């Protein structure tokens, strides 16, 4: 499997994490067979490892971390037109605070702004660095 089109005709069993935006994107896998979704990403990866699922749709940094410690997993990196798209933008990350806690909200927002959270290239570089700093990477 080198790209999404390679799943056509395979009826691959697909999983992801419950309650995430990924659930709404599973139908983009050609001839995919959505199966059980799990409460945690660890359970998703375990389902792939033990054959309960053929693939799981999870964001890249989490998948990279899992692949470092689980040699049964292989990452399929998509790009160009061969990608899963989210037209709703619902895969954006957010942080919830208590309603009315504007002080905490502003502190968190300030910290995120200092990290250049809105700059995709900067965030991708930071996540790549974080992956290399994990115990499994060393």
C-alpha atoms as a PDB file:
ATOM      1  CA  UNK A   1       0.000   0.000   0.000  1.00  0.00           C
ATOM      2  CA  UNK A   2       1.584   3.244  -1.131  1.00  0.00           C
ATOM      3  CA  UNK A   3      -1.489   5.509  -1.196  1.00  0.00           C
ATOM      4  CA  UNK A   4      -5.214   5.730  -0.615  1.00  0.00           C
ATOM      5  CA  UNK A   5      -6.098   4.377  -4.062  1.00  0.00           C
ATOM      6  CA  UNK A   6      -4.291   1.129  -3.181  1.00  0.00           C
ATOM      7  CA  UNK A   7      -7.054   0.357  -0.672  1.00  0.00           C
ATOM      8  CA  UNK A   8      -9.639   0.047  -3.466  1.00  0.00           C
ATOM      9  CA  UNK A   9     -11.065  -3.460  -3.554  1.00  0.00           C
ATOM     10  CA  UNK A  10      -9.330  -4.508  -0.313  1.00  0.00           C
ATOM     11  CA  UNK A  11     -12.306  -3.905   2.061  1.00  0.00           C
ATOM     12  CA  UNK A  12      -9.802  -2.880   4.722  1.00  0.00           C
ATOM     13  CA  UNK A  13     -11.109  -2.770   8.291  1.00  0.00           C
ATOM     14  CA  UNK A  14     -10.693   0.804   9.513  1.00  0.00           C
ATOM     15  CA  UNK A  15     -10.605   2.197  13.037  1.00  0.00           C
ATOM     16  CA  UNK A  16      -9.917   5.457  14.818  1.00  0.00           C
ATOM     17  CA  UNK A  17     -10.406   7.084  18.191  1.00  0.00           C
ATOM     18  CA  UNK A  18     -13.967   7.607  19.386  1.00  0.00           C
ATOM     19  CA  UNK A  19     -15.226  11.146  19.753  1.00  0.00           C
ATOM     20  CA  UNK A  20     -12.626  12.652  17.422  1.00  0.00           C
ATOM     21  CA  UNK A  21     -12.904  14.429  14.082  1.00  0.00           C
ATOM     22  CA  UNK A  22     -11.172  11.425  12.513  1.00  0.00           C
ATOM     23  CA  UNK A  23     -14.412   9.411  12.676  1.00  0.00           C
ATOM     24  CA  UNK A  24     -15.993  11.648  10.018  1.00  0.00           C
ATOM     25  CA  UNK A  25     -13.039  11.159   7.657  1.00  0.00           C
ATOM     26  CA  UNK A  26     -12.997   7.360   7.475  1.00  0.00           C
ATOM     27  CA  UNK A  27     -15.268   7.264   4.436  1.00  0.00           C
ATOM     28  CA  UNK A  28     -12.397   8.696   2.361  1.00  0.00           C
ATOM     29  CA  UNK A  29     -10.622   5.304   2.437  1.00  0.00           C
ATOM     30  CA  UNK A  30     -11.665   3.617  -0.853  1.00  0.00           C
ATOM     31  CA  UNK A  31     -13.750   0.514  -0.151  1.00  0.00           C
ATOM     32  CA  UNK A  32     -12.945   0.890   3.544  1.00  0.00           C
ATOM     33  CA  UNK A  33     -14.937  -1.107   6.045  1.00  0.00           C
ATOM     34  CA  UNK A  34     -15.387   1.029   9.185  1.00  0.00           C
ATOM     35  CA  UNK A  35     -15.239  -1.185  12.229  1.00  0.00           C
ATOM     36  CA  UNK A  36     -15.097  -0.614  15.941  1.00  0.00           C
ATOM     37  CA  UNK A  37     -13.633   2.698  17.069  1.00  0.00           C
ATOM     38  CA  UNK A  38     -11.810   2.859  20.372  1.00  0.00           C
ATOM     39  CA  UNK A  39     -11.580   5.171  23.377  1.00  0.00           C
ATOM     40  CA  UNK A  40      -7.810   5.627  23.105  1.00  0.00           C
ATOM     41  CA  UNK A  41      -5.247   5.738  20.338  1.00  0.00           C
ATOM     42  CA  UNK A  42      -3.369   2.934  22.110  1.00  0.00           C
ATOM     43  CA  UNK A  43      -6.397   0.679  21.607  1.00  0.00           C
ATOM     44  CA  UNK A  44      -6.556   1.677  17.920  1.00  0.00           C
ATOM     45  CA  UNK A  45      -2.931   0.731  17.409  1.00  0.00           C
ATOM     46  CA  UNK A  46      -3.433  -2.512  19.340  1.00  0.00           C
ATOM     47  CA  UNK A  47      -6.368  -3.371  17.050  1.00  0.00           C
ATOM     48  CA  UNK A  48      -4.085  -3.015  14.023  1.00  0.00           C
ATOM     49  CA  UNK A  49      -1.310  -5.030  15.680  1.00  0.00           C
ATOM     50  CA  UNK A  50      -3.599  -7.915  16.570  1.00  0.00           C
ATOM     51  CA  UNK A  51      -5.536  -7.940  13.281  1.00  0.00           C
ATOM     52  CA  UNK A  52      -8.853  -6.609  14.580  1.00  0.00           C
ATOM     53  CA  UNK A  53      -8.341  -3.694  12.153  1.00  0.00           C
ATOM     54  CA  UNK A  54      -6.203  -3.223   9.072  1.00  0.00           C
ATOM     55  CA  UNK A  55      -5.554   0.475   9.549  1.00  0.00           C
ATOM     56  CA  UNK A  56      -6.271   3.352  11.861  1.00  0.00           C
ATOM     57  CA  UNK A  57      -6.609   7.007  10.964  1.00  0.00           C
ATOM     58  CA  UNK A  58      -4.784   9.102  13.568  1.00  0.00           C
ATOM     59  CA  UNK A  59      -2.713  12.289  13.347  1.00  0.00           C
ATOM     60  CA  UNK A  60       0.939  11.999  12.387  1.00  0.00           C
ATOM     61  CA  UNK A  61       2.764  12.792  15.672  1.00  0.00           C
ATOM     62  CA  UNK A  62       0.763  10.216  17.621  1.00  0.00           C
ATOM     63  CA  UNK A  63       1.309   7.638  14.891  1.00  0.00           C
ATOM     64  CA  UNK A  64       5.038   8.342  14.777  1.00  0.00           C
ATOM     65  CA  UNK A  65       5.274   7.811  18.531  1.00  0.00           C
ATOM     66  CA  UNK A  66       3.374   4.541  18.338  1.00  0.00           C
ATOM     67  CA  UNK A  67       5.496   3.226  15.468  1.00  0.00           C
ATOM     68  CA  UNK A  68       8.668   3.816  17.511  1.00  0.00           C
ATOM     69  CA  UNK A  69       7.582   1.322  20.137  1.00  0.00           C
ATOM     70  CA  UNK A  70       5.486  -1.060  18.062  1.00  0.00           C
ATOM     71  CA  UNK A  71       7.291  -2.733  15.188  1.00  0.00           C
ATOM     72  CA  UNK A  72       3.977  -4.157  13.905  1.00  0.00           C
ATOM     73  CA  UNK A  73       2.974  -0.656  12.722  1.00  0.00           C
ATOM     74  CA  UNK A  74       3.953   1.042   9.484  1.00  0.00           C
ATOM     75  CA  UNK A  75       3.112   4.632   8.656  1.00  0.00           C
ATOM     76  CA  UNK A  76       1.502   5.501   5.354  1.00  0.00           C
ATOM     77  CA  UNK A  77       2.427   9.091   4.599  1.00  0.00           C
ATOM     78  CA  UNK A  78      -0.044  10.758   2.276  1.00  0.00           C
ATOM     79  CA  UNK A  79       0.599  13.817   0.197  1.00  0.00           C
ATOM     80  CA  UNK A  80      -0.470  15.799  -2.831  1.00  0.00           C
ATOM     81  CA  UNK A  81      -3.877  14.743  -4.071  1.00  0.00           C
ATOM     82  CA  UNK A  82      -3.529  11.388  -2.304  1.00  0.00           C
ATOM     83  CA  UNK A  83      -4.596  12.581   1.109  1.00  0.00           C
ATOM     84  CA  UNK A  84      -7.469  12.587   3.539  1.00  0.00           C
ATOM     85  CA  UNK A  85      -9.009  16.031   3.598  1.00  0.00           C
ATOM     86  CA  UNK A  86     -11.097  17.687   6.244  1.00  0.00           C
ATOM     87  CA  UNK A  87     -13.243  20.297   4.509  1.00  0.00           C
ATOM     88  CA  UNK A  88     -14.807  21.358   7.810  1.00  0.00           C
ATOM     89  CA  UNK A  89     -11.470  22.109   9.459  1.00  0.00           C
ATOM     90  CA  UNK A  90     -12.710  20.132  12.452  1.00  0.00           C
ATOM     91  CA  UNK A  91      -9.314  18.600  13.163  1.00  0.00           C
ATOM     92  CA  UNK A  92      -8.069  21.847  14.679  1.00  0.00           C
ATOM     93  CA  UNK A  93      -6.866  21.557  18.252  1.00  0.00           C
ATOM     94  CA  UNK A  94      -8.420  23.484  21.103  1.00  0.00           C
ATOM     95  CA  UNK A  95      -7.981  23.851  24.845  1.00  0.00           C
ATOM     96  CA  UNK A  96     -11.028  24.076  27.087  1.00  0.00           C
ATOM     97  CA  UNK A  97     -11.143  26.208  30.229  1.00  0.00           C
ATOM     98  CA  UNK A  98     -13.853  26.848  32.779  1.00  0.00           C
ATOM     99  CA  UNK A  99     -16.558  29.148  31.454  1.00  0.00           C
ATOM    100  CA  UNK A 100     -15.824  32.691  32.566  1.00  0.00           C
ATOM    101  CA  UNK A 101     -12.170  32.027  33.474  1.00  0.00           C
ATOM    102  CA  UNK A 102     -10.851  34.719  31.170  1.00  0.00           C
ATOM    103  CA  UNK A 103      -7.579  35.070  33.095  1.00  0.00           C
ATOM    104  CA  UNK A 104      -6.622  31.440  32.487  1.00  0.00           C
ATOM    105  CA  UNK A 105      -7.872  31.619  28.901  1.00  0.00           C
ATOM    106  CA  UNK A 106      -5.702  34.682  28.212  1.00  0.00           C
ATOM    107  CA  UNK A 107      -2.668  33.050  29.850  1.00  0.00           C
ATOM    108  CA  UNK A 108      -3.031  29.946  27.720  1.00  0.00           C
ATOM    109  CA  UNK A 109      -3.664  31.987  24.590  1.00  0.00           C
ATOM    110  CA  UNK A 110      -0.551  34.062  25.285  1.00  0.00           C
ATOM    111  CA  UNK A 111       1.551  30.928  25.724  1.00  0.00           C
ATOM    112  CA  UNK A 112       0.182  29.444  22.514  1.00  0.00           C
ATOM    113  CA  UNK A 113       0.877  32.680  20.632  1.00  0.00           C
ATOM    114  CA  UNK A 114       4.474  32.685  21.911  1.00  0.00           C
ATOM    115  CA  UNK A 115       4.817  29.162  20.521  1.00  0.00           C
ATOM    116  CA  UNK A 116       3.578  30.379  17.115  1.00  0.00           C
ATOM    117  CA  UNK A 117       0.753  27.846  17.255  1.00  0.00           C
ATOM    118  CA  UNK A 118      -0.956  29.357  14.198  1.00  0.00           C
ATOM    119  CA  UNK A 119       2.165  28.885  12.045  1.00  0.00           C
ATOM    120  CA  UNK A 120       1.834  25.375  10.610  1.00  0.00           C
ATOM    121  CA  UNK A 121       5.491  25.163   9.597  1.00  0.00           C
ATOM    122  CA  UNK A 122       6.667  26.196  13.086  1.00  0.00           C
ATOM    123  CA  UNK A 123       4.320  23.707  14.766  1.00  0.00           C
ATOM    124  CA  UNK A 124       5.371  20.888  12.422  1.00  0.00           C
ATOM    125  CA  UNK A 125       9.019  21.607  13.241  1.00  0.00           C
ATOM    126  CA  UNK A 126       8.271  21.631  16.981  1.00  0.00           C
ATOM    127  CA  UNK A 127       6.380  18.333  16.766  1.00  0.00           C
ATOM    128  CA  UNK A 128       9.199  16.756  14.747  1.00  0.00           C
ATOM    129  CA  UNK A 129      11.679  17.812  17.409  1.00  0.00           C
ATOM    130  CA  UNK A 130       9.411  16.507  20.189  1.00  0.00           C
ATOM    131  CA  UNK A 131       9.206  13.105  18.476  1.00  0.00           C
ATOM    132  CA  UNK A 132      13.015  12.827  18.502  1.00  0.00           C
ATOM    133  CA  UNK A 133      13.145  13.606  22.225  1.00  0.00           C
ATOM    134  CA  UNK A 134      10.952  10.717  23.342  1.00  0.00           C
ATOM    135  CA  UNK A 135      12.601   7.878  25.243  1.00  0.00           C
ATOM    136  CA  UNK A 136      11.690   5.428  22.476  1.00  0.00           C
ATOM    137  CA  UNK A 137      13.627   7.548  19.963  1.00  0.00           C
ATOM    138  CA  UNK A 138      16.855   7.381  21.915  1.00  0.00           C
END
